[in-house]
Protein backbone atom coordinates (compact mmCIF):
# COMPACT_ATOMS: atom_id res chain seq x y z
CA MET A 1 112.16 155.25 20.33
CA ARG A 2 114.28 157.40 22.40
CA LEU A 3 115.67 156.59 25.61
CA THR A 4 115.58 158.98 28.47
CA LYS A 5 118.43 160.31 30.05
CA ARG A 6 118.09 157.82 33.08
CA GLN A 7 117.49 154.90 30.80
CA GLU A 8 120.88 156.06 29.00
CA TRP A 9 122.48 156.33 32.41
CA LEU A 10 121.54 152.90 33.35
CA LEU A 11 122.48 151.30 30.36
CA ASP A 12 125.94 153.06 30.73
CA TYR A 13 126.19 152.03 34.17
CA LEU A 14 125.67 148.32 33.47
CA LYS A 15 128.00 148.36 30.32
CA ARG A 16 130.80 149.57 32.86
CA GLU A 17 129.93 147.01 35.04
CA ASN A 18 129.73 144.46 32.66
CA GLY A 19 133.00 145.52 31.50
CA ARG A 20 134.37 144.75 35.07
CA ASP A 21 132.71 141.56 35.63
CA PRO A 22 130.37 140.22 33.30
CA HIS A 23 128.96 137.63 35.39
CA ARG A 24 128.02 139.69 38.31
CA TRP A 25 124.19 140.46 38.69
CA ILE A 26 123.88 143.93 39.88
CA THR A 27 121.14 144.41 42.56
CA LEU A 28 118.65 147.29 42.51
CA GLN A 29 120.14 148.71 45.36
CA GLU A 30 123.69 148.95 44.23
CA ILE A 31 121.97 151.05 41.10
CA VAL A 32 120.20 153.32 43.19
CA ASP A 33 123.31 153.82 45.40
CA ALA A 34 125.49 154.44 42.40
CA MET A 35 123.17 156.83 40.64
CA ASN A 36 122.99 158.84 43.86
CA CYS A 37 126.88 158.87 44.21
CA ASP A 38 127.09 160.04 40.64
CA LEU A 39 127.80 163.46 40.32
CA SER A 40 127.70 163.38 36.57
CA TYR A 41 123.71 162.60 36.57
CA CYS A 42 121.81 165.33 38.24
CA GLU A 43 118.35 165.00 36.47
CA GLY A 44 116.66 165.04 39.73
CA ASP A 45 114.59 161.98 38.72
CA ASN A 46 116.77 159.14 40.63
CA TYR A 47 115.60 155.99 41.36
CA GLN A 48 113.80 155.34 44.99
CA ILE A 49 113.45 152.11 46.68
CA ASN A 50 110.40 151.36 48.09
CA ASP A 51 110.70 148.67 50.83
CA GLY A 52 107.27 148.75 52.12
CA PRO A 53 105.66 145.63 53.37
CA ARG A 54 102.79 145.53 50.43
CA SER A 55 105.64 146.69 47.98
CA HIS A 56 106.01 143.66 45.37
CA ASN A 57 108.68 145.74 43.21
CA PRO A 58 111.01 147.69 45.31
CA CYS A 59 112.01 150.09 42.21
CA PRO A 60 109.23 150.27 39.67
CA ALA A 61 110.86 152.96 37.93
CA LEU A 62 113.99 150.61 37.27
CA TRP A 63 111.96 148.01 35.93
CA ALA A 64 110.06 150.41 33.87
CA ASP A 65 113.46 151.56 32.53
CA LYS A 66 114.58 147.96 32.05
CA GLU A 67 111.49 147.28 29.91
CA ALA A 68 112.18 150.31 27.85
CA ILE A 69 115.83 149.57 27.19
CA ASN A 70 114.71 145.91 26.05
CA GLU A 71 111.70 147.29 23.53
CA ASP A 72 114.44 150.12 22.19
CA PRO A 73 115.00 148.39 18.59
CA GLU A 74 118.43 150.52 18.55
CA THR A 75 119.82 149.40 21.93
CA GLU A 76 122.53 146.92 20.87
CA PHE A 77 122.23 145.54 24.59
CA PRO A 78 119.32 143.87 26.17
CA VAL A 79 119.11 143.72 30.10
CA ILE A 80 118.49 140.40 31.72
CA TYR A 81 116.73 140.32 35.04
CA ASN A 82 116.99 137.73 38.02
CA ASN A 83 115.51 138.33 41.38
CA TYR A 84 115.68 142.07 41.79
CA ALA A 85 118.96 141.91 39.93
CA VAL A 86 120.10 143.10 36.33
CA LYS A 87 122.62 142.54 33.91
CA LEU A 88 123.82 142.20 30.72
CA PRO A 89 124.07 139.15 29.07
CA SER A 90 127.61 137.75 28.88
CA SER A 91 126.77 134.85 26.08
CA MET A 92 123.91 134.31 23.65
CA GLU A 93 123.43 131.19 26.54
CA GLU A 94 122.74 133.68 29.14
CA LEU A 95 120.57 135.79 27.29
CA ASN A 96 118.44 132.93 26.06
CA GLU A 97 118.53 131.03 29.77
CA PHE A 98 117.35 134.41 31.43
CA TYR A 99 115.37 136.61 28.68
CA ALA A 100 113.83 134.56 25.88
CA ASN A 101 113.04 131.78 27.71
CA ASP A 102 111.20 134.11 30.15
CA LEU A 103 109.91 135.54 27.24
CA GLU A 104 108.62 132.40 25.82
CA GLN A 105 107.14 131.01 28.55
CA ARG A 106 105.18 134.05 29.46
CA ALA A 107 103.81 134.18 25.84
CA LYS A 108 102.57 130.50 26.24
CA LYS A 109 100.61 131.44 29.30
CA MET A 110 98.86 134.09 27.86
CA LEU A 111 97.71 132.09 24.71
CA TRP A 112 96.72 129.11 26.98
CA ARG A 113 94.96 131.95 29.28
CA MET A 114 93.34 133.30 25.85
CA GLY A 115 91.84 129.95 24.76
CA VAL A 116 90.49 129.25 28.41
CA VAL A 117 88.83 132.57 28.08
CA ARG A 118 87.38 131.95 24.19
CA ASN A 119 86.31 128.40 25.32
CA LYS A 120 83.98 129.98 28.61
CA ALA A 121 82.86 132.69 26.08
CA ARG A 122 81.53 129.97 23.51
CA LYS A 123 79.72 127.92 26.38
CA ASP A 124 75.97 128.32 26.72
CA GLY A 125 76.31 130.57 23.55
CA GLN A 126 77.70 133.31 25.70
CA MET A 127 79.32 136.27 23.83
CA LYS A 128 76.63 135.92 20.94
CA ILE A 129 74.88 138.92 19.62
CA GLU A 130 71.00 138.56 19.53
CA ILE A 131 68.75 141.28 18.35
CA GLY A 132 66.53 142.27 21.32
CA GLU A 133 62.73 143.14 21.26
CA ASP A 134 63.72 146.94 20.62
CA GLY A 135 65.85 145.77 17.55
CA LYS A 136 69.10 146.56 19.23
CA PRO A 137 71.76 144.23 19.62
CA THR A 138 72.12 142.40 22.97
CA GLU A 139 74.78 140.30 24.72
CA ARG A 140 72.99 136.65 25.54
CA PHE A 141 74.92 136.06 28.61
CA ILE A 142 73.91 139.66 30.10
CA ASN A 143 70.29 138.65 29.29
CA ALA A 144 70.75 135.73 30.98
CA ILE A 145 72.34 137.12 34.18
CA ILE A 146 69.14 139.85 34.17
CA ARG A 147 66.58 137.00 33.87
CA ALA A 148 67.82 134.90 36.67
CA ALA A 149 68.35 138.19 39.02
CA ALA A 150 64.42 138.92 38.17
CA GLU A 151 63.58 135.38 39.07
CA GLU A 152 65.01 135.49 42.26
CA ILE A 153 63.64 138.57 42.99
CA ALA A 154 60.16 137.32 42.37
CA ALA A 155 60.49 134.04 43.87
CA GLY A 156 61.62 136.06 47.02
CA SER A 157 58.33 138.31 46.47
CA VAL A 158 55.67 135.58 46.64
């Protein structure tokens, strides 16, 4: 996977800042300001801060670039994050604390959710394929919903 020019700029900027102070977290606003002040970066797709009241992510493009950098197998440094700030890890312990543990926790939550959904699907024979009167496969839970709706309508019309 090839990084875009903006992603390469972000990685280079984080490397420079890590060289100055490996323990400092860099805020999204600092990154946006640095990109806008960097005359060598003139691609026209600069990061923008979205400070709207409904925004849960002030800079989606930056977070997407962070993920792209972390997913790129050829990039030697992962980007770690903490409350809308990013940096390159200064040690393996820091990497585990802020990235690997986060990934593990998210994976556990997804596996738990998958188990819940599968258990729900198994109840009352839901998700089992049945052959309908017309010879076509139907899903049992859909038929049960249709029957329940038809019974309600019939009960209301009497």
